[in-house]
Amino acid sequence: MDSRKAVVIGVGLLVLGGAAHADDAADELADRIDMRGDRIEDRLDNRGDRIDERLDNRGDRIDER
């Protein structure tokens, strides 16, 4: 095997390894974004539940009057 062929093979392996690493990093980033979106959605749901509870309590107090 001549040296140019060895270099081409070596560079090809480096590129493939880098691409695999980049793919893993992209998957991890997508997972983090999904988890962040889930947390935001949970917070909004909780906030909506608290608002509904407050409105129900106010309605009950108004009905008592």
N, C-alpha and C. Protein backbone atom coordinates (compact mmCIF):
# COMPACT_ATOMS: atom_id res chain seq x y z
N MET A 1 0.86 -1.17 0.00
CA MET A 1 0.00 0.00 0.00
C MET A 1 0.91 1.23 0.00
N ASP A 2 0.66 2.12 -0.93
CA ASP A 2 1.49 3.31 -0.95
C ASP A 2 1.01 4.32 0.08
N SER A 3 1.82 5.32 0.37
CA SER A 3 1.53 6.26 1.45
C SER A 3 0.30 7.12 1.15
N ARG A 4 0.06 7.45 -0.11
CA ARG A 4 -1.13 8.26 -0.44
C ARG A 4 -2.40 7.49 -0.14
N LYS A 5 -2.42 6.23 -0.47
CA LYS A 5 -3.60 5.41 -0.21
C LYS A 5 -3.82 5.29 1.30
N ALA A 6 -2.75 5.14 2.06
CA ALA A 6 -2.87 5.05 3.51
C ALA A 6 -3.41 6.35 4.09
N VAL A 7 -2.95 7.48 3.56
CA VAL A 7 -3.43 8.78 4.03
C VAL A 7 -4.91 8.94 3.70
N VAL A 8 -5.32 8.57 2.49
CA VAL A 8 -6.73 8.67 2.09
C VAL A 8 -7.60 7.82 3.00
N ILE A 9 -7.15 6.61 3.29
CA ILE A 9 -7.91 5.73 4.17
C ILE A 9 -7.98 6.33 5.58
N GLY A 10 -6.85 6.83 6.06
CA GLY A 10 -6.82 7.44 7.40
C GLY A 10 -7.74 8.64 7.50
N VAL A 11 -7.70 9.51 6.51
CA VAL A 11 -8.57 10.69 6.50
C VAL A 11 -10.02 10.26 6.40
N GLY A 12 -10.30 9.28 5.58
CA GLY A 12 -11.68 8.77 5.46
C GLY A 12 -12.21 8.25 6.78
N LEU A 13 -11.38 7.53 7.51
CA LEU A 13 -11.79 7.03 8.83
C LEU A 13 -12.02 8.17 9.80
N LEU A 14 -11.16 9.19 9.76
CA LEU A 14 -11.36 10.35 10.63
C LEU A 14 -12.66 11.06 10.32
N VAL A 15 -12.98 11.22 9.04
CA VAL A 15 -14.22 11.88 8.64
C VAL A 15 -15.42 11.07 9.10
N LEU A 16 -15.37 9.76 8.91
CA LEU A 16 -16.49 8.92 9.33
C LEU A 16 -16.65 8.96 10.84
N GLY A 17 -15.55 8.93 11.57
CA GLY A 17 -15.62 9.02 13.03
C GLY A 17 -16.17 10.35 13.49
N GLY A 18 -15.76 11.43 12.82
CA GLY A 18 -16.27 12.76 13.15
C GLY A 18 -17.75 12.87 12.85
N ALA A 19 -18.17 12.29 11.75
CA ALA A 19 -19.59 12.33 11.38
C ALA A 19 -20.43 11.56 12.40
N ALA A 20 -19.92 10.43 12.86
CA ALA A 20 -20.65 9.66 13.86
C ALA A 20 -20.74 10.44 15.17
N HIS A 21 -19.65 11.10 15.54
CA HIS A 21 -19.64 11.91 16.76
C HIS A 21 -20.61 13.08 16.63
N ALA A 22 -20.62 13.74 15.47
CA ALA A 22 -21.53 14.86 15.24
C ALA A 22 -22.98 14.39 15.29
N ASP A 23 -23.25 13.20 14.77
CA ASP A 23 -24.61 12.65 14.81
C ASP A 23 -25.04 12.40 16.25
N ASP A 24 -24.13 11.85 17.05
CA ASP A 24 -24.44 11.62 18.47
C ASP A 24 -24.69 12.93 19.20
N ALA A 25 -23.89 13.94 18.90
CA ALA A 25 -24.06 15.24 19.53
C ALA A 25 -25.39 15.87 19.12
N ALA A 26 -25.76 15.71 17.87
CA ALA A 26 -27.05 16.24 17.40
C ALA A 26 -28.21 15.53 18.09
N ASP A 27 -28.10 14.23 18.27
CA ASP A 27 -29.14 13.48 18.98
C ASP A 27 -29.26 13.93 20.43
N GLU A 28 -28.12 14.15 21.07
CA GLU A 28 -28.13 14.60 22.47
C GLU A 28 -28.76 15.99 22.58
N LEU A 29 -28.41 16.87 21.65
CA LEU A 29 -28.99 18.21 21.66
C LEU A 29 -30.49 18.15 21.44
N ALA A 30 -30.94 17.32 20.53
CA ALA A 30 -32.38 17.17 20.29
C ALA A 30 -33.09 16.65 21.54
N ASP A 31 -32.47 15.71 22.24
CA ASP A 31 -33.05 15.20 23.48
C ASP A 31 -33.15 16.30 24.54
N ARG A 32 -32.11 17.11 24.65
CA ARG A 32 -32.14 18.21 25.62
C ARG A 32 -33.24 19.21 25.29
N ILE A 33 -33.40 19.51 24.01
CA ILE A 33 -34.44 20.45 23.59
C ILE A 33 -35.82 19.86 23.90
N ASP A 34 -36.01 18.57 23.65
CA ASP A 34 -37.28 17.91 23.96
C ASP A 34 -37.57 17.96 25.45
N MET A 35 -36.56 17.70 26.27
CA MET A 35 -36.76 17.72 27.72
C MET A 35 -37.10 19.13 28.19
N ARG A 36 -36.43 20.12 27.62
CA ARG A 36 -36.72 21.51 27.99
C ARG A 36 -38.15 21.87 27.59
N GLY A 37 -38.56 21.45 26.41
CA GLY A 37 -39.94 21.69 25.98
C GLY A 37 -40.95 21.02 26.90
N ASP A 38 -40.63 19.81 27.35
CA ASP A 38 -41.51 19.11 28.28
C ASP A 38 -41.62 19.86 29.60
N ARG A 39 -40.49 20.37 30.09
CA ARG A 39 -40.53 21.12 31.36
C ARG A 39 -41.35 22.39 31.21
N ILE A 40 -41.19 23.09 30.09
CA ILE A 40 -41.96 24.31 29.86
C ILE A 40 -43.45 23.98 29.78
N GLU A 41 -43.78 22.90 29.09
CA GLU A 41 -45.17 22.50 28.97
C GLU A 41 -45.76 22.15 30.35
N ASP A 42 -44.99 21.46 31.17
CA ASP A 42 -45.45 21.12 32.52
C ASP A 42 -45.70 22.38 33.35
N ARG A 43 -44.78 23.33 33.25
CA ARG A 43 -44.95 24.58 34.00
C ARG A 43 -46.21 25.32 33.56
N LEU A 44 -46.44 25.36 32.26
CA LEU A 44 -47.64 26.05 31.76
C LEU A 44 -48.91 25.33 32.20
N ASP A 45 -48.87 24.00 32.18
CA ASP A 45 -50.04 23.24 32.65
C ASP A 45 -50.30 23.52 34.12
N ASN A 46 -49.24 23.54 34.93
CA ASN A 46 -49.40 23.82 36.36
C ASN A 46 -49.92 25.22 36.59
N ARG A 47 -49.40 26.17 35.82
CA ARG A 47 -49.86 27.55 35.96
C ARG A 47 -51.34 27.65 35.58
N GLY A 48 -51.73 26.97 34.52
CA GLY A 48 -53.13 26.98 34.11
C GLY A 48 -54.03 26.35 35.17
N ASP A 49 -53.55 25.27 35.79
CA ASP A 49 -54.32 24.63 36.86
C ASP A 49 -54.50 25.57 38.05
N ARG A 50 -53.44 26.30 38.41
CA ARG A 50 -53.54 27.24 39.53
C ARG A 50 -54.51 28.38 39.21
N ILE A 51 -54.48 28.86 37.98
CA ILE A 51 -55.41 29.92 37.58
C ILE A 51 -56.84 29.42 37.63
N ASP A 52 -57.08 28.20 37.13
CA ASP A 52 -58.42 27.63 37.19
C ASP A 52 -58.91 27.50 38.63
N GLU A 53 -58.02 27.06 39.51
CA GLU A 53 -58.39 26.91 40.92
C GLU A 53 -58.73 28.26 41.55
N ARG A 54 -57.95 29.28 41.24
CA ARG A 54 -58.23 30.62 41.77
C ARG A 54 -59.58 31.13 41.28
N LEU A 55 -59.84 30.93 39.99
CA LEU A 55 -61.12 31.39 39.45
C LEU A 55 -62.29 30.64 40.08
N ASP A 56 -62.12 29.35 40.30
CA ASP A 56 -63.18 28.58 40.96
C ASP A 56 -63.41 29.09 42.38
N ASN A 57 -62.33 29.37 43.10
CA ASN A 57 -62.46 29.88 44.47
C ASN A 57 -63.15 31.24 44.48
N ARG A 58 -62.80 32.10 43.55
CA ARG A 58 -63.45 33.41 43.47
C ARG A 58 -64.93 33.26 43.13
N GLY A 59 -65.22 32.34 42.22
CA GLY A 59 -66.62 32.11 41.88
C GLY A 59 -67.41 31.59 43.07
N ASP A 60 -66.80 30.72 43.87
CA ASP A 60 -67.47 30.21 45.07
C ASP A 60 -67.72 31.33 46.07
N ARG A 61 -66.74 32.22 46.24
CA ARG A 61 -66.94 33.33 47.18
C ARG A 61 -68.02 34.28 46.69
N ILE A 62 -68.08 34.51 45.39
CA ILE A 62 -69.11 35.38 44.84
C ILE A 62 -70.48 34.74 45.03
N ASP A 63 -70.57 33.42 44.83
CA ASP A 63 -71.84 32.72 45.00
C ASP A 63 -72.30 32.77 46.45
N GLU A 64 -71.37 32.77 47.40
CA GLU A 64 -71.73 32.82 48.82
C GLU A 64 -72.33 34.16 49.20
N ARG A 65 -71.95 35.21 48.50
CA ARG A 65 -72.44 36.55 48.82
C ARG A 65 -73.83 36.66 48.34
